[in-house]
Amino acid sequence: MSGIVYIVDGYNVLHALFRGADKEEIFARRDWLADRLAGFVALRDAQAVLVFDGRGPESTSTRPIKGAEVEVVFAGGRFTADTLIARRIAGQPADAHVVVVSADQEVQRTAARAGVSRMTPPEFEHELAADDRRRQALDSASYFTRMPSRLEDKVDPETLRRLEELRHKPE
């Protein structure tokens, strides 16, 4: 199996998560969403394509996020985000499990016709919150201790004493 591929309708999700935010705030949240998505797919050993409507009349642009299985796509030219999402759905291998994240009815219908899973922005937000709770639980777990990084932390006192003697012994 090729794995799970999340195809995320970027502005649709941002508008749902940040209701009432103005255009500038939504634009400022794009990187936030890309970062959250990177953590989300890393925990699931998955991949993601984050699609936004374009930056004007130029052609579509794509950039991978370094160190993450996330690709950020800006629709451009004659393509809208909805069109690119439909193309990305159609372009996935038959053995990939595709999940489309959007509240847009047309995107939802496209995903349903293609037989892929769908997730709404509130469901996605719920999953992000669950990931945050898991991380917090790991950070505060009683079994979570500092990994020894110094020699003093790794050897018994007698061995440490002998090593110190050798270190300070004149040659």
Protein backbone atom coordinates (compact mmCIF):
# COMPACT_ATOMS: atom_id res chain seq x y z
CA MET A 1 0.00 0.00 0.00
CA SER A 2 1.22 3.49 -0.83
CA GLY A 3 0.02 4.93 2.49
CA ILE A 4 -2.29 7.73 3.49
CA VAL A 5 -2.38 10.95 1.49
CA TYR A 6 -4.19 13.97 2.92
CA ILE A 7 -5.28 16.55 0.36
CA VAL A 8 -6.17 19.74 2.23
CA ASP A 9 -8.21 22.66 0.91
CA GLY A 10 -6.06 25.33 2.58
CA TYR A 11 -8.16 28.49 2.62
CA ASN A 12 -11.33 26.50 3.24
CA VAL A 13 -9.79 24.96 6.36
CA LEU A 14 -8.33 28.27 7.58
CA HIS A 15 -11.66 30.09 7.19
CA ALA A 16 -13.39 27.31 9.13
CA LEU A 17 -10.81 27.28 11.93
CA PHE A 18 -10.51 31.07 12.21
CA ARG A 19 -14.06 32.27 11.65
CA GLY A 20 -14.29 36.00 11.13
CA ALA A 21 -10.57 36.46 10.48
CA ASP A 22 -9.77 39.05 7.86
CA LYS A 23 -7.89 38.31 4.66
CA GLU A 24 -4.50 39.37 6.05
CA GLU A 25 -4.83 37.14 9.11
CA ILE A 26 -5.84 34.18 6.93
CA PHE A 27 -2.81 34.79 4.71
CA ALA A 28 -0.61 34.97 7.82
CA ARG A 29 -1.96 31.60 9.00
CA ARG A 30 -0.87 29.68 5.87
CA ASP A 31 2.53 28.80 7.33
CA TRP A 32 0.89 27.88 10.64
CA LEU A 33 -1.38 25.42 8.82
CA ALA A 34 1.55 23.99 6.84
CA ASP A 35 3.52 23.46 10.07
CA ARG A 36 0.58 21.84 11.85
CA LEU A 37 -0.04 19.61 8.84
CA ALA A 38 3.63 18.56 8.83
CA GLY A 39 3.33 17.37 12.43
CA PHE A 40 -0.03 15.77 11.75
CA VAL A 41 1.24 13.61 8.87
CA ALA A 42 4.51 12.79 10.64
CA LEU A 43 2.59 11.19 13.50
CA ARG A 44 0.63 9.12 10.99
CA ASP A 45 3.50 8.23 8.65
CA ALA A 46 1.48 9.88 5.90
CA GLN A 47 1.85 12.51 3.18
CA ALA A 48 -0.07 15.69 2.51
CA VAL A 49 -0.78 18.16 -0.24
CA LEU A 50 -1.91 21.58 1.01
CA VAL A 51 -3.69 23.44 -1.78
CA PHE A 52 -4.43 27.18 -1.81
CA ASP A 53 -6.12 29.32 -4.42
CA GLY A 54 -3.53 31.17 -6.41
CA ARG A 55 -1.37 34.19 -6.22
CA GLY A 56 -2.73 35.88 -9.35
CA PRO A 57 -2.69 35.05 -13.02
CA GLU A 58 0.67 33.25 -13.09
CA SER A 59 0.91 29.51 -13.30
CA THR A 60 0.51 27.05 -10.46
CA SER A 61 3.44 26.87 -8.05
CA THR A 62 4.50 24.03 -5.79
CA ARG A 63 6.98 23.89 -2.93
CA PRO A 64 7.79 21.00 -0.63
CA ILE A 65 8.27 21.65 3.07
CA LYS A 66 11.81 20.68 3.94
CA GLY A 67 11.97 17.71 6.29
CA ALA A 68 8.27 16.93 6.01
CA GLU A 69 6.04 14.91 3.73
CA VAL A 70 4.04 18.02 2.86
CA GLU A 71 3.77 19.79 -0.46
CA VAL A 72 2.25 23.29 -0.61
CA VAL A 73 0.53 24.13 -3.89
CA PHE A 74 -0.79 27.51 -5.03
CA ALA A 75 -3.29 27.29 -7.86
CA GLY A 76 -2.64 29.72 -10.67
CA GLY A 77 -3.44 30.50 -14.26
CA ARG A 78 -6.65 28.77 -15.27
CA PHE A 79 -6.63 26.45 -12.26
CA THR A 80 -8.47 26.91 -8.96
CA ALA A 81 -7.70 25.07 -5.76
CA ASP A 82 -10.81 22.93 -6.36
CA THR A 83 -9.53 21.92 -9.79
CA LEU A 84 -6.11 21.01 -8.44
CA ILE A 85 -7.65 19.02 -5.60
CA ALA A 86 -9.71 17.03 -8.13
CA ARG A 87 -6.58 16.41 -10.21
CA ARG A 88 -4.59 15.33 -7.14
CA ILE A 89 -7.36 12.91 -6.16
CA ALA A 90 -7.38 11.42 -9.66
CA GLY A 91 -3.58 11.22 -9.75
CA GLN A 92 -3.17 9.07 -6.64
CA PRO A 93 -2.18 5.41 -7.01
CA ALA A 94 -5.02 2.93 -6.65
CA ASP A 95 -3.56 1.55 -3.40
CA ALA A 96 -3.27 4.95 -1.69
CA HIS A 97 -5.74 5.82 1.02
CA VAL A 98 -6.76 9.40 0.19
CA VAL A 99 -8.41 11.74 2.68
CA VAL A 100 -9.71 15.09 1.45
CA VAL A 101 -10.03 17.82 4.10
CA SER A 102 -12.57 20.48 3.08
CA ALA A 103 -16.03 21.79 3.86
CA ASP A 104 -16.57 22.91 0.26
CA GLN A 105 -19.56 21.00 -1.11
CA GLU A 106 -18.12 20.68 -4.62
CA VAL A 107 -14.81 19.33 -3.27
CA GLN A 108 -16.77 16.94 -1.02
CA ARG A 109 -18.82 15.71 -4.02
CA THR A 110 -15.65 15.22 -6.08
CA ALA A 111 -14.12 13.19 -3.26
CA ALA A 112 -17.31 11.13 -2.84
CA ARG A 113 -17.47 10.35 -6.58
CA ALA A 114 -13.83 9.25 -6.48
CA GLY A 115 -14.52 7.00 -3.51
CA VAL A 116 -12.01 8.67 -1.20
CA SER A 117 -12.42 9.51 2.46
CA ARG A 118 -13.49 12.97 3.54
CA MET A 119 -12.79 15.00 6.64
CA THR A 120 -14.37 18.33 7.53
CA PRO A 121 -12.34 21.19 9.04
CA PRO A 122 -13.91 20.64 12.50
CA GLU A 123 -12.93 16.95 12.33
CA PHE A 124 -9.41 17.98 11.29
CA GLU A 125 -9.26 20.49 14.17
CA HIS A 126 -10.36 17.73 16.56
CA GLU A 127 -7.50 15.50 15.29
CA LEU A 128 -4.99 18.34 15.73
CA ALA A 129 -6.19 18.86 19.30
CA ALA A 130 -5.88 15.12 19.99
CA ASP A 131 -2.28 15.24 18.70
CA ASP A 132 -1.58 18.17 21.05
CA ARG A 133 -2.96 16.21 24.00
CA ARG A 134 -0.80 13.18 23.10
CA ARG A 135 2.33 15.37 22.90
CA GLN A 136 1.54 17.00 26.25
CA ALA A 137 0.98 13.61 27.85
CA LEU A 138 4.36 12.39 26.59
CA ASP A 139 6.10 15.55 27.76
CA SER A 140 4.69 15.26 31.27
CA ALA A 141 4.74 11.47 31.66
CA SER A 142 6.48 10.23 34.81
CA TYR A 143 8.55 7.73 32.85
CA PHE A 144 9.90 10.50 30.62
CA THR A 145 13.34 11.36 31.94
CA ARG A 146 16.33 13.21 30.63
CA MET A 147 18.56 11.01 28.54
CA PRO A 148 22.08 10.85 29.96
CA SER A 149 24.36 12.94 27.83
CA ARG A 150 27.39 13.40 30.06
CA LEU A 151 29.92 10.77 31.04
CA GLU A 152 29.16 11.38 34.72
CA ASP A 153 25.58 10.33 34.07
CA LYS A 154 26.55 7.09 32.35
CA VAL A 155 29.18 5.43 34.57
CA ASP A 156 29.35 4.42 38.20
CA PRO A 157 31.27 6.66 40.67
CA GLU A 158 34.28 4.32 40.96
CA THR A 159 34.79 4.16 37.19
CA LEU A 160 34.43 7.92 36.99
CA ARG A 161 37.06 8.38 39.72
CA ARG A 162 39.52 6.12 37.86
CA LEU A 163 38.94 7.95 34.60
CA GLU A 164 39.60 11.26 36.33
CA GLU A 165 42.85 9.89 37.77
CA LEU A 166 43.97 8.80 34.30
CA ARG A 167 43.02 12.13 32.84
CA HIS A 168 45.04 14.10 35.40
CA LYS A 169 48.00 11.70 35.57
CA PRO A 170 51.20 13.37 34.36
CA GLU A 171 52.76 11.74 31.31
